[in-house]
N, C-alpha and C. Protein backbone atom coordinates (compact mmCIF):
# COMPACT_ATOMS: atom_id res chain seq x y z
N MET A 1 70.96 129.10 86.23
CA MET A 1 71.77 128.75 87.20
C MET A 1 71.83 127.21 87.56
N LYS A 2 72.67 126.55 87.78
CA LYS A 2 72.72 125.17 87.87
C LYS A 2 72.19 124.98 89.58
N ILE A 3 71.61 123.67 89.78
CA ILE A 3 70.70 123.30 91.16
C ILE A 3 71.41 122.12 91.24
N ILE A 4 71.00 121.48 92.62
CA ILE A 4 71.29 120.22 93.44
C ILE A 4 70.54 120.32 94.65
N THR A 5 69.71 119.03 94.45
CA THR A 5 69.22 118.96 95.90
C THR A 5 69.71 118.09 97.02
N ALA A 6 69.21 118.70 98.25
CA ALA A 6 70.10 118.07 99.51
C ALA A 6 70.41 116.52 99.45
N LYS A 7 69.49 115.57 98.95
CA LYS A 7 69.37 114.24 98.75
C LYS A 7 70.87 114.26 97.81
N GLU A 8 70.93 114.90 96.64
CA GLU A 8 71.80 114.89 95.75
C GLU A 8 73.79 115.02 96.65
N VAL A 9 73.24 116.00 97.14
CA VAL A 9 74.72 116.24 97.77
C VAL A 9 75.10 115.58 98.81
N GLU A 10 74.36 114.93 99.43
CA GLU A 10 74.26 114.03 100.80
C GLU A 10 75.06 112.61 100.17
N ALA A 11 73.98 112.52 98.92
CA ALA A 11 74.55 110.88 98.07
C ALA A 11 76.18 111.35 97.53
N LEU A 12 76.94 112.32 96.87
CA LEU A 12 78.15 112.83 97.05
C LEU A 12 79.06 112.68 98.19
N LEU A 13 78.55 113.15 99.26
CA LEU A 13 79.27 113.02 100.18
C LEU A 13 79.77 111.53 100.64
N GLN A 14 78.32 110.67 100.66
CA GLN A 14 78.38 109.20 101.14
C GLN A 14 79.42 108.34 100.70
N GLU A 15 79.68 109.00 99.17
CA GLU A 15 80.56 108.53 98.23
C GLU A 15 82.16 108.97 98.33
N GLY A 16 82.02 109.61 99.21
CA GLY A 16 83.64 110.25 99.52
C GLY A 16 83.91 111.68 98.51
N LYS A 17 83.12 112.40 97.74
CA LYS A 17 83.44 113.08 97.30
C LYS A 17 83.93 114.52 98.09
N THR A 18 84.98 115.14 97.57
CA THR A 18 85.10 116.60 98.39
C THR A 18 84.02 117.41 97.27
N LEU A 19 83.39 117.98 98.62
CA LEU A 19 82.84 118.92 97.86
C LEU A 19 82.77 120.59 99.01
N HIS A 20 82.51 121.66 97.97
CA HIS A 20 83.05 122.91 98.73
C HIS A 20 81.85 123.59 99.04
N ILE A 21 81.05 123.33 99.84
CA ILE A 21 79.72 124.29 100.65
C ILE A 21 80.21 125.12 101.21
N ILE A 22 79.26 126.51 100.77
CA ILE A 22 79.14 127.33 101.42
C ILE A 22 77.70 127.72 102.26
N ASP A 23 77.26 127.85 103.00
CA ASP A 23 75.88 128.01 103.83
C ASP A 23 76.26 129.61 104.32
N VAL A 24 74.95 130.15 103.63
CA VAL A 24 74.81 131.61 103.87
C VAL A 24 73.91 132.07 104.62
N ARG A 25 73.67 130.94 105.51
CA ARG A 25 72.63 131.39 106.53
C ARG A 25 73.24 132.56 107.87
N GLU A 26 72.03 133.10 108.37
CA GLU A 26 72.82 134.20 109.87
C GLU A 26 73.61 133.10 110.97
N ASN A 27 74.08 133.85 111.65
CA ASN A 27 74.62 133.32 112.70
C ASN A 27 73.95 132.12 113.44
N GLU A 28 72.44 132.67 113.74
CA GLU A 28 71.74 132.04 114.87
C GLU A 28 71.29 130.94 113.86
N GLU A 29 71.16 130.77 112.90
CA GLU A 29 70.80 129.31 111.84
C GLU A 29 71.56 128.54 112.17
N VAL A 30 72.66 128.82 111.90
CA VAL A 30 73.87 127.79 112.01
C VAL A 30 74.19 127.24 112.84
N ALA A 31 73.91 128.08 114.08
CA ALA A 31 74.22 127.55 115.58
C ALA A 31 73.43 126.16 115.40
N ASN A 32 72.17 126.23 115.06
CA ASN A 32 71.58 124.92 115.00
C ASN A 32 72.02 123.41 114.10
N GLY A 33 73.11 124.00 113.62
CA GLY A 33 73.93 122.81 112.76
C GLY A 33 73.94 123.20 111.32
N LYS A 34 75.09 122.67 110.66
CA LYS A 34 75.28 122.99 109.23
C LYS A 34 75.93 121.80 108.85
N ILE A 35 76.25 121.55 107.48
CA ILE A 35 76.92 120.20 106.89
C ILE A 35 78.12 120.10 107.11
N PRO A 36 78.49 119.01 107.65
CA PRO A 36 80.03 118.89 108.03
C PRO A 36 81.11 119.25 106.75
N GLY A 37 82.17 120.41 107.30
CA GLY A 37 82.86 120.91 106.20
C GLY A 37 82.04 122.08 105.94
N ALA A 38 80.98 122.48 105.72
CA ALA A 38 80.71 123.80 104.95
C ALA A 38 81.46 124.69 105.24
N ILE A 39 81.65 126.22 104.57
CA ILE A 39 82.29 127.44 105.52
C ILE A 39 81.11 127.97 105.45
N HIS A 40 81.06 128.64 106.40
CA HIS A 40 79.74 129.85 107.02
C HIS A 40 80.07 130.97 106.48
N ILE A 41 79.57 131.53 105.41
CA ILE A 41 79.53 133.10 104.89
C ILE A 41 78.17 133.36 104.92
N PRO A 42 77.74 134.32 105.99
CA PRO A 42 76.10 134.97 105.54
C PRO A 42 76.09 135.55 104.77
N LEU A 43 75.28 135.61 103.96
CA LEU A 43 74.68 136.11 102.69
C LEU A 43 75.20 137.49 102.78
N GLY A 44 75.07 138.60 103.46
CA GLY A 44 75.26 139.59 103.90
C GLY A 44 76.77 140.12 103.93
N PHE A 45 77.72 139.13 104.10
CA PHE A 45 79.18 139.11 104.13
C PHE A 45 79.81 138.94 102.77
N LEU A 46 78.98 137.82 102.03
CA LEU A 46 79.43 137.49 100.37
C LEU A 46 80.52 138.16 99.83
N ASP A 47 79.88 139.58 99.47
CA ASP A 47 80.59 140.17 98.73
C ASP A 47 81.62 140.77 99.40
N VAL A 48 81.90 140.92 100.79
CA VAL A 48 83.59 141.28 101.35
C VAL A 48 84.12 140.02 101.83
N ARG A 49 83.74 138.83 101.43
CA ARG A 49 84.61 137.39 101.86
C ARG A 49 84.99 136.87 100.21
N MET A 50 84.42 136.96 99.38
CA MET A 50 84.47 136.32 98.34
C MET A 50 85.93 135.96 97.56
N ASN A 51 86.71 137.14 98.28
CA ASN A 51 88.15 137.17 97.79
C ASN A 51 88.73 135.94 98.65
N GLU A 52 87.91 135.03 99.66
CA GLU A 52 88.53 133.80 100.46
C GLU A 52 88.43 132.65 99.25
N LEU A 53 87.14 132.92 98.14
CA LEU A 53 87.13 132.01 97.47
C LEU A 53 88.06 131.53 96.19
N ASP A 54 87.67 130.40 95.73
CA ASP A 54 89.03 130.16 94.52
C ASP A 54 88.12 129.89 93.39
N LYS A 55 88.14 130.78 92.20
CA LYS A 55 87.52 130.44 91.03
C LYS A 55 87.22 129.16 90.43
N ASN A 56 88.43 128.34 90.84
CA ASN A 56 88.81 127.57 89.90
C ASN A 56 88.08 125.99 90.70
N LEU A 57 87.25 126.56 91.80
CA LEU A 57 86.63 125.12 92.88
C LEU A 57 84.82 125.81 92.26
N GLU A 58 83.93 124.84 92.24
CA GLU A 58 82.99 124.63 92.24
C GLU A 58 81.74 124.79 93.33
N TYR A 59 81.39 125.69 93.65
CA TYR A 59 80.53 125.62 95.45
C TYR A 59 79.28 125.56 95.06
N ILE A 60 78.54 124.58 96.28
CA ILE A 60 77.42 124.40 96.52
C ILE A 60 77.07 125.55 97.60
N ILE A 61 75.82 126.11 97.53
CA ILE A 61 75.84 127.22 98.12
C ILE A 61 74.23 126.68 98.91
N VAL A 62 74.30 127.04 100.02
CA VAL A 62 72.89 126.27 100.88
C VAL A 62 72.49 127.25 101.98
N CYS A 63 71.23 127.52 101.97
CA CYS A 63 70.61 128.32 103.07
C CYS A 63 69.53 127.31 103.42
N HIS A 64 68.32 128.05 104.07
CA HIS A 64 67.07 127.44 104.70
C HIS A 64 66.45 126.45 104.24
N SER A 65 65.94 127.77 102.87
CA SER A 65 65.29 126.82 101.89
C SER A 65 65.34 127.00 100.17
N GLY A 66 66.42 127.54 100.17
CA GLY A 66 66.89 127.50 98.69
C GLY A 66 66.47 128.98 97.96
N GLY A 67 66.08 130.24 98.83
CA GLY A 67 66.17 131.24 98.13
C GLY A 67 67.20 131.83 98.13
N ARG A 68 67.96 132.33 99.61
CA ARG A 68 68.81 133.30 99.74
C ARG A 68 70.16 132.31 98.92
N SER A 69 70.46 130.98 99.00
CA SER A 69 71.41 130.63 98.00
C SER A 69 71.25 130.59 96.73
N GLY A 70 70.05 130.92 96.43
CA GLY A 70 70.08 130.89 94.83
C GLY A 70 70.21 132.43 94.46
N MET A 71 69.91 133.41 95.43
CA MET A 71 70.67 134.66 95.22
C MET A 71 72.20 134.46 95.46
N ALA A 72 72.57 133.94 96.05
CA ALA A 72 74.05 134.15 96.81
C ALA A 72 74.74 133.34 95.23
N ALA A 73 74.10 131.72 94.73
CA ALA A 73 74.78 131.55 93.79
C ALA A 73 74.86 132.50 92.47
N ASN A 74 73.70 133.13 92.13
CA ASN A 74 73.95 134.18 90.86
C ASN A 74 74.66 135.19 91.26
N PHE A 75 74.71 135.78 92.41
CA PHE A 75 75.88 136.55 92.72
C PHE A 75 77.37 136.18 92.44
N LEU A 76 77.83 134.92 92.80
CA LEU A 76 78.77 134.56 92.69
C LEU A 76 79.08 134.20 91.28
N THR A 77 78.59 133.57 90.33
CA THR A 77 78.53 133.52 89.05
C THR A 77 78.73 134.49 88.50
N SER A 78 78.15 135.71 88.95
CA SER A 78 78.23 137.22 87.95
C SER A 78 79.80 137.33 88.21
N TYR A 79 80.56 137.12 88.90
CA TYR A 79 81.56 137.39 89.32
C TYR A 79 82.65 136.07 89.00
N GLY A 80 81.99 135.46 88.34
CA GLY A 80 83.35 134.69 87.31
C GLY A 80 83.25 133.02 88.33
N PHE A 81 82.62 132.96 89.24
CA PHE A 81 82.68 131.81 90.28
C PHE A 81 81.69 130.47 89.73
N LYS A 82 82.09 129.22 90.21
CA LYS A 82 81.37 128.17 89.81
C LYS A 82 80.35 127.86 90.80
N ALA A 83 79.22 128.28 90.89
CA ALA A 83 77.84 128.30 92.02
C ALA A 83 76.96 127.22 91.68
N VAL A 84 76.48 126.41 92.48
CA VAL A 84 75.51 125.49 92.16
C VAL A 84 74.35 125.77 93.65
N ASN A 85 73.14 126.02 93.20
CA ASN A 85 72.07 126.23 94.54
C ASN A 85 71.41 124.90 94.83
N MET A 86 71.79 124.42 95.93
CA MET A 86 71.00 123.72 96.84
C MET A 86 69.67 124.15 97.15
N ILE A 87 68.92 123.57 96.19
CA ILE A 87 67.64 124.35 96.02
C ILE A 87 66.46 123.91 97.00
N ASP A 88 66.23 123.02 98.03
CA ASP A 88 65.51 122.80 98.92
C ASP A 88 66.38 123.12 100.21
N GLY A 89 67.62 123.56 100.35
CA GLY A 89 68.22 123.98 101.42
C GLY A 89 68.14 123.09 102.78
N MET A 90 68.44 123.45 103.88
CA MET A 90 68.68 122.63 105.08
C MET A 90 67.17 122.46 105.73
N VAL A 91 66.05 122.66 105.32
CA VAL A 91 64.85 121.98 105.39
C VAL A 91 64.84 120.35 105.16
N ALA A 92 65.56 120.14 104.14
CA ALA A 92 65.26 118.91 103.48
C ALA A 92 66.62 118.18 103.82
N TRP A 93 67.66 118.56 104.35
CA TRP A 93 68.80 117.67 104.86
C TRP A 93 68.52 116.92 105.75
N GLU A 94 68.82 115.55 105.47
CA GLU A 94 68.57 114.65 106.63
C GLU A 94 70.05 114.11 106.36
N GLY A 95 71.40 114.68 106.53
CA GLY A 95 72.21 113.97 106.31
C GLY A 95 72.93 114.61 107.89
N PRO A 96 74.05 114.09 108.22
CA PRO A 96 74.67 114.71 109.35
C PRO A 96 74.52 115.72 109.49
N ILE A 97 75.12 116.80 110.48
CA ILE A 97 75.45 117.96 110.87
C ILE A 97 76.03 118.67 112.21
N GLU A 98 76.69 119.36 112.13
CA GLU A 98 77.85 119.79 112.80
C GLU A 98 78.02 120.94 113.64
């Protein structure tokens, strides 16, 4: 599984890179803020919503601390998607939130 840190994601966003981020946390968690532009798909809905995703894009998967995002990245990869786990999750995120 490919991994990336919150610091690396923040740096890429600051450089103006277009990133495709999926936040797999629950609604209550996302209500406290998410990375700007991230798509919110709770982990339990990923299987029914993956038809909304493009297999030509690479997705950075985010959760609270990296565990659920790791499961989601593995799941998506098993279906032919390009997925990267943000291993330290939102607990390490110091960038802007929306």
